[in-house]
Protein backbone atom coordinates (compact mmCIF):
# COMPACT_ATOMS: atom_id res chain seq x y z
CA MET A 1 18.33 -19.44 -4.79
CA THR A 2 17.68 -20.11 -8.47
CA ILE A 3 14.12 -18.80 -8.24
CA PHE A 4 15.18 -15.55 -6.56
CA ALA A 5 18.18 -15.03 -8.86
CA ARG A 6 16.12 -15.52 -12.02
CA GLU A 7 13.22 -13.29 -11.02
CA VAL A 8 15.45 -10.55 -9.57
CA LEU A 9 17.49 -10.56 -12.79
CA GLU A 10 14.34 -10.07 -14.86
CA GLY A 11 13.18 -7.26 -12.58
CA THR A 12 16.51 -5.42 -12.59
CA VAL A 13 16.73 -5.65 -16.39
CA ILE A 14 13.28 -4.06 -16.73
CA ILE A 15 14.01 -1.30 -14.20
CA GLY A 16 17.46 -0.69 -15.70
CA GLN A 17 16.07 -0.32 -19.22
CA TYR A 18 13.56 2.31 -18.15
CA ARG A 19 16.18 4.20 -16.14
CA THR A 20 18.53 4.14 -19.15
CA VAL A 21 15.85 5.61 -21.41
CA VAL A 22 15.05 8.39 -18.94
CA GLN A 23 18.74 9.20 -18.49
CA ARG A 24 19.82 9.01 -22.13
CA THR A 25 16.99 10.32 -24.32
CA PRO A 26 16.96 14.06 -25.17
CA GLU A 27 13.29 14.43 -24.21
CA TRP A 28 14.09 13.60 -20.58
CA GLN A 29 17.19 15.77 -20.14
CA GLU A 30 15.41 18.54 -18.27
CA PRO A 31 16.53 18.09 -14.63
CA GLU A 32 13.02 18.29 -13.14
CA LYS A 33 11.48 16.00 -15.73
CA GLN A 34 14.28 13.44 -15.45
CA LYS A 35 14.03 13.49 -11.67
CA ALA A 36 10.27 12.91 -11.89
CA GLY A 37 10.80 10.01 -14.31
CA LEU A 38 13.38 8.26 -12.13
CA LYS A 39 11.20 8.82 -9.07
CA ALA A 40 8.22 7.29 -10.89
CA ILE A 41 10.28 4.17 -11.72
CA ASN A 42 11.51 3.72 -8.14
CA THR A 43 8.10 4.41 -6.61
CA ALA A 44 6.25 2.05 -8.95
CA ALA A 45 8.79 -0.73 -8.35
CA GLY A 46 8.65 -0.25 -4.57
CA TRP A 47 4.86 -0.23 -4.28
CA ALA A 48 4.47 -3.16 -6.69
CA SER A 49 6.96 -5.24 -4.67
CA LEU A 50 5.19 -4.38 -1.41
CA VAL A 51 1.76 -5.29 -2.79
CA ALA A 52 3.10 -8.58 -4.15
CA VAL A 53 4.71 -9.49 -0.80
CA ILE A 54 1.47 -8.70 1.06
CA LEU A 55 -0.46 -10.85 -1.41
CA ILE A 56 1.97 -13.74 -0.92
CA ILE A 57 1.58 -13.50 2.87
CA CYS A 58 -2.22 -13.31 2.61
CA VAL A 59 -2.26 -16.50 0.55
CA ALA A 60 0.51 -18.45 2.31
CA VAL A 61 -0.57 -17.86 5.93
CA PRO A 62 -4.17 -19.12 5.58
CA LEU A 63 -3.00 -22.11 3.58
CA GLY A 64 -0.43 -22.92 6.25
CA LEU A 65 -2.88 -22.52 9.12
CA LEU A 66 -5.57 -24.59 7.43
CA SER A 67 -2.99 -27.19 6.35
CA ARG A 68 -4.44 -27.33 2.89
CA ASP A 69 -2.34 -28.29 -0.08
CA PHE A 70 -1.81 -25.61 -2.67
CA ASP A 71 -3.09 -26.67 -6.07
CA GLU A 72 -0.02 -26.50 -8.30
CA ARG A 73 -2.23 -26.49 -11.42
CA VAL A 74 -3.73 -23.17 -10.34
CA GLY A 75 -0.25 -21.80 -9.74
CA ASP A 76 0.87 -22.92 -13.19
CA ILE A 77 -2.13 -21.28 -14.87
CA ILE A 78 -1.59 -18.01 -12.99
CA GLU A 79 2.09 -18.00 -13.89
CA GLY A 80 1.36 -18.87 -17.51
CA VAL A 81 -1.15 -16.04 -17.98
CA SER A 82 1.19 -13.60 -16.24
CA LYS A 83 4.13 -14.54 -18.46
CA VAL A 84 2.16 -14.31 -21.72
CA VAL A 85 0.79 -10.86 -20.81
CA ALA A 86 4.25 -9.72 -19.70
CA ALA A 87 5.79 -11.05 -22.94
CA PHE A 88 3.70 -8.67 -25.05
CA CYS A 89 4.41 -5.77 -22.66
CA ILE A 90 8.16 -6.40 -22.94
CA LEU A 91 7.90 -6.83 -26.74
CA GLN A 92 6.22 -3.43 -26.93
CA LEU A 93 9.05 -1.98 -24.86
CA SER A 94 11.59 -3.63 -27.20
CA LEU A 95 9.94 -1.89 -30.15
CA LYS A 96 9.86 1.46 -28.37
CA MET A 97 13.45 1.50 -27.15
CA PRO A 98 14.99 2.33 -30.57
CA LYS A 99 12.37 5.07 -31.04
CA PHE A 100 13.14 6.56 -27.64
CA LEU A 101 16.84 6.67 -28.55
CA GLY A 102 16.26 8.12 -32.03
CA LEU A 103 17.01 5.02 -34.13
CA TYR A 104 13.40 4.57 -35.26
CA ALA A 105 11.45 7.54 -36.59
CA SER A 106 7.97 8.41 -35.37
CA LYS A 107 5.06 9.23 -37.66
CA LYS A 108 3.94 11.71 -35.00
CA GLY A 109 7.00 13.84 -35.64
CA LYS A 110 9.22 15.37 -33.03
CA ASP A 111 6.63 14.85 -30.30
CA GLY A 112 6.35 11.12 -31.02
CA VAL A 113 9.05 10.15 -28.53
CA GLN A 114 7.57 12.26 -25.78
CA ILE A 115 4.08 10.85 -26.38
CA GLY A 116 5.42 7.29 -26.47
CA LEU A 117 6.98 7.42 -22.99
CA THR A 118 4.97 9.25 -20.35
CA LEU A 119 4.98 9.09 -16.58
CA LYS A 120 1.71 7.18 -16.74
CA SER A 121 3.13 4.50 -19.06
CA ILE A 122 6.28 4.25 -16.93
CA ARG A 123 4.29 3.70 -13.75
CA PHE A 124 2.02 1.07 -15.31
CA ASN A 125 4.68 -0.98 -17.08
CA VAL A 126 7.19 -0.94 -14.22
CA ALA A 127 4.53 -1.69 -11.59
CA TRP A 128 2.99 -4.53 -13.61
CA ASN A 129 6.27 -6.25 -14.42
CA ILE A 130 7.83 -5.89 -10.95
CA TRP A 131 4.60 -7.08 -9.31
CA ARG A 132 4.64 -10.07 -11.63
CA GLU A 133 8.26 -10.98 -10.82
CA VAL A 134 7.79 -10.80 -7.04
CA ALA A 135 4.42 -12.59 -7.20
CA GLU A 136 5.99 -15.38 -9.25
CA ILE A 137 8.53 -15.92 -6.46
CA GLY A 138 5.60 -16.39 -4.10
CA VAL A 139 3.84 -18.81 -6.43
CA PHE A 140 7.01 -20.88 -6.64
CA LEU A 141 7.60 -20.80 -2.87
CA ILE A 142 4.10 -21.44 -1.50
CA PRO A 143 4.46 -25.25 -1.81
CA PHE A 144 7.71 -24.97 0.19
CA PHE A 145 6.03 -22.81 2.85
CA LEU A 146 3.52 -25.60 3.41
CA GLU A 147 6.32 -28.03 4.25
CA GLY A 148 8.17 -26.91 7.36
CA ASP A 149 11.51 -28.60 6.65
CA LYS A 150 11.85 -27.11 3.17
CA ALA A 151 10.81 -23.64 4.33
CA LYS A 152 13.92 -23.37 6.49
CA ALA A 153 16.12 -23.08 3.39
CA ILE A 154 14.21 -20.12 1.94
CA PRO A 155 15.67 -17.06 3.79
CA LEU A 156 19.39 -17.66 3.29
CA SER A 157 19.16 -19.14 -0.21
CA GLY A 158 16.72 -16.38 -1.21
CA LEU A 159 19.19 -13.73 -0.05
CA ALA A 160 21.96 -15.39 -2.07
CA GLY A 161 19.73 -15.47 -5.14
CA ILE A 162 18.89 -11.78 -4.75
CA VAL A 163 22.60 -10.94 -4.62
CA VAL A 164 23.43 -13.01 -7.71
CA GLY A 165 20.52 -11.69 -9.78
CA GLY A 166 21.09 -8.12 -8.60
CA ILE A 167 24.79 -8.18 -9.52
CA LEU A 168 24.10 -9.47 -13.03
CA GLY A 169 21.30 -6.96 -13.52
CA ALA A 170 23.61 -4.16 -12.33
CA ILE A 171 26.26 -5.24 -14.85
CA ILE A 172 23.73 -5.01 -17.69
CA TYR A 173 22.55 -1.61 -16.43
CA ILE A 174 26.11 -0.23 -16.20
CA ALA A 175 26.86 -1.54 -19.71
CA ASN A 176 23.78 0.30 -21.00
CA LYS A 177 24.76 3.47 -19.19
CA ARG A 178 28.34 3.59 -20.46
CA MET A 179 27.70 2.80 -24.11
CA LYS A 180 28.25 6.11 -25.91
CA ASN A 181 26.93 5.10 -29.32
CA LYS A 182 23.14 5.39 -29.13
CA THR A 183 22.66 3.21 -32.20
CA TRP A 184 24.42 0.23 -30.64
CA LEU A 185 22.74 0.97 -27.32
CA ALA A 186 19.31 0.90 -28.98
CA VAL A 187 20.14 -2.36 -30.79
CA PHE A 188 21.49 -4.00 -27.60
CA MET A 189 18.45 -3.01 -25.54
CA ALA A 190 15.97 -4.01 -28.26
CA VAL A 191 17.58 -7.44 -28.75
CA LEU A 192 17.88 -8.08 -25.02
CA LEU A 193 14.22 -7.23 -24.42
CA LEU A 194 13.10 -9.21 -27.48
CA PHE A 195 14.75 -12.36 -26.13
CA LEU A 196 13.34 -11.66 -22.66
CA ALA A 197 9.84 -11.37 -24.17
CA THR A 198 10.40 -14.55 -26.19
CA GLY A 199 11.51 -16.41 -23.08
CA LEU A 200 8.44 -15.21 -21.16
CA PHE A 201 6.06 -16.22 -23.96
CA THR A 202 7.66 -19.65 -24.34
CA GLY A 203 7.64 -20.19 -20.58
CA GLY A 204 4.00 -19.13 -20.32
CA LEU A 205 2.84 -21.59 -22.95
CA HIS A 206 4.94 -24.29 -21.30
CA GLU A 207 3.04 -23.67 -18.03
CA PHE A 208 -0.23 -24.33 -19.88
CA GLU A 209 1.36 -27.39 -21.42
CA GLU A 210 2.18 -28.80 -18.00
CA VAL A 211 -1.43 -28.34 -16.89
CA TRP A 212 -3.31 -29.59 -19.95
CA GLY A 213 -0.86 -32.09 -21.40
CA MET A 214 2.73 -32.17 -22.62
CA THR A 215 3.68 -32.36 -26.27
CA GLN A 216 6.47 -34.68 -27.35
CA ASN A 217 10.00 -33.81 -26.19
CA VAL A 218 12.44 -33.09 -29.03
CA TYR A 219 15.63 -33.18 -26.93
CA ASN A 220 16.69 -33.35 -23.31
CA TYR A 221 20.24 -32.79 -22.03
CA ARG A 222 19.49 -31.58 -18.51
CA ASP A 223 21.69 -34.26 -16.98
CA ALA A 224 24.59 -33.70 -19.39
CA ALA A 225 27.88 -32.73 -17.73
CA GLY A 226 26.46 -33.46 -14.32
CA GLY A 227 23.44 -31.25 -14.78
CA PHE A 228 25.49 -28.18 -15.74
CA PHE A 229 23.19 -27.41 -18.69
CA SER A 230 19.98 -27.67 -16.69
CA GLU A 231 17.97 -24.44 -16.70
CA LYS A 232 16.85 -25.28 -13.16
CA ARG A 233 20.36 -24.87 -11.74
CA LEU A 234 22.93 -22.14 -11.69
CA PRO A 235 24.57 -20.87 -13.83
CA MET A 236 22.26 -21.74 -16.75
CA ALA A 237 19.18 -20.74 -14.74
CA LEU A 238 20.26 -17.13 -15.26
CA VAL A 239 19.74 -17.34 -19.02
CA LYS A 240 16.41 -19.15 -18.75
CA PRO A 241 14.46 -15.84 -18.71
CA PHE A 242 15.80 -15.18 -22.22
CA GLY A 243 14.39 -18.40 -23.64
CA TYR A 244 17.01 -21.01 -22.78
CA SER A 245 15.97 -24.54 -21.83
CA ALA A 246 17.91 -27.81 -21.76
CA LYS A 247 14.68 -29.71 -22.40
CA ARG A 248 12.47 -28.74 -25.31
CA SER A 249 9.03 -29.95 -26.31
CA VAL A 250 7.44 -29.40 -29.70
CA LEU A 251 5.31 -26.58 -28.29
CA GLN A 252 8.31 -24.87 -26.72
CA ILE A 253 10.31 -24.93 -29.94
CA ALA A 254 7.36 -23.75 -32.03
CA SER A 255 6.43 -20.96 -29.62
CA PHE A 256 10.04 -19.78 -29.25
CA TRP A 257 10.75 -19.42 -32.94
CA THR A 258 7.26 -18.14 -33.79
CA PHE A 259 7.41 -15.33 -31.22
CA LEU A 260 11.04 -14.47 -32.04
CA THR A 261 10.24 -14.33 -35.76
CA PHE A 262 7.16 -12.22 -35.04
CA GLY A 263 9.29 -9.78 -33.04
CA CYS A 264 11.95 -9.61 -35.77
CA ILE A 265 9.27 -8.89 -38.40
CA LEU A 266 7.90 -6.05 -36.27
CA HIS A 267 11.39 -4.60 -35.86
CA PHE A 268 12.01 -4.90 -39.61
CA TRP A 269 8.73 -3.14 -40.30
CA LYS A 270 9.70 -0.36 -37.88
CA TRP A 271 13.07 -0.01 -39.62
CA PHE A 272 11.46 -0.02 -43.09
CA SER A 273 8.88 2.56 -41.97
CA THR A 274 11.68 4.68 -40.52
CA LYS A 275 13.51 4.57 -43.84
CA LYS A 276 10.39 5.71 -45.71
CA ILE A 277 9.62 8.44 -43.17
CA ARG A 278 13.14 9.84 -43.34
CA GLU A 279 13.19 9.69 -47.15
CA ALA A 280 9.92 11.65 -47.17
CA GLU A 281 11.36 14.16 -44.69
CA GLU A 282 14.50 14.61 -46.83
CA LEU A 283 12.36 15.07 -49.96
CA ALA A 284 10.17 17.61 -48.18
CA GLU A 285 13.25 19.49 -46.97
CA ALA A 286 14.73 19.45 -50.47
CA GLU A 287 11.48 20.75 -51.97
CA LYS A 288 11.28 23.41 -49.31
CA ALA A 289 14.88 24.43 -50.01
CA GLY A 290 14.09 24.54 -53.74
CA GLU A 291 11.03 26.72 -53.14
CA VAL A 292 13.06 29.09 -50.98
CA GLU A 293 15.75 29.30 -53.66
CA ALA A 294 13.13 30.00 -56.34
CA VAL A 295 11.58 32.74 -54.20
CA ASP A 296 15.00 34.28 -53.64
CA LYS A 297 15.74 34.30 -57.38
CA GLU A 298 12.36 35.84 -58.15
CA PHE A 299 12.93 38.49 -55.50
CA GLU A 300 16.34 39.30 -56.95
CA HIS A 301 14.78 39.57 -60.43
CA GLN A 302 12.09 41.94 -59.15
CA GLU A 303 14.77 44.13 -57.57
CA THR A 304 16.95 44.36 -60.70
CA THR A 305 14.23 44.71 -63.41
CA PRO A 306 13.04 48.30 -62.63
CA ILE A 307 16.60 49.56 -62.70
CA GLU A 308 17.19 48.03 -66.13
CA GLU A 309 13.92 49.39 -67.50
CA LYS A 310 14.74 52.81 -66.12
CA SER A 311 18.17 52.67 -67.71
CA GLU A 312 16.70 51.67 -71.08
CA GLY A 313 14.14 54.48 -70.87
CA THR A 314 16.84 57.03 -70.17
CA ASP A 315 18.80 55.96 -73.25
CA GLU A 316 15.71 56.25 -75.49
CA GLU A 317 14.90 59.70 -74.13
CA ALA A 318 18.46 60.84 -74.74
CA ALA A 319 18.38 59.58 -78.33
CA SER A 320 15.02 61.23 -78.99
CA SER A 321 16.25 64.53 -77.54
CA GLY A 322 19.33 64.37 -79.73
CA ALA A 323 17.19 63.76 -82.83
CA ASP A 324 14.94 66.73 -82.03
CA GLU A 325 17.92 69.00 -81.59
CA GLU A 326 19.32 67.84 -84.94
CA ASN A 327 16.01 68.51 -86.71
CA GLN A 328 15.78 71.94 -85.15
CA SER A 329 19.27 72.67 -86.30
């Protein structure tokens, strides 16, 4: 139940974030384009889940028939690589979310948002991450498939986990959808995805640690309060994807804070670059406005000058004519 709930929560968060971007950003407000974007998300998630399930069956059935033990070290390495790769994909999405919603400026100008999120990028990122989540469930469950007694608990507990993870993911999605202020929405989505990426990176390195040797544990309170704080049990298992753990090794602590700091620095750089870009845009607009005003003044001067010269010439001619008449007299 915990395995299903955790992985389904991660998957629904990823799908929900992409759906929110497609539904809320101005570049996707055209009905046909928005429909195509939502369809791409659903299709990519569906096909990725199907492929992952087929892969799980193709691996589990032969292992079960041949009665061979599944090497847990291989499973840990596969999961570790998958999580590290996914961490950087989710970090990239965390950096793009504020740009999609207009909080961060793009050096590419008005087309920067459109270029940053295309149907191709949607399909790849959604398919990769959903495939990874479903495949991880299989990696976790294969050892249980090989033991008949334990396999009996999978269907019902898996269904319960899907319900729990799906409900929590739906709550996050609805919260994203109903937030009217795009600035706070961008901040919420960026922070949520940053912690999800940090949790994936930390978890991936921990998988390698379990294969090639554990570093020293700094603290361990998994059994505190009857195991309530354990990340392997509900409810705390639901926050494990975001980097929580009741037992921390030196590598886990170092990787968590290093990746989180790295992500914060990237966000700060994006914010600082946005500030500079917008200052440059304001200066360019001010200069353009000044040039237009100068042109207008020059145009007004050109319109009024001939009239004045003509007026002055008329006065001189009148004076000269008067003088001639006086001399003749």
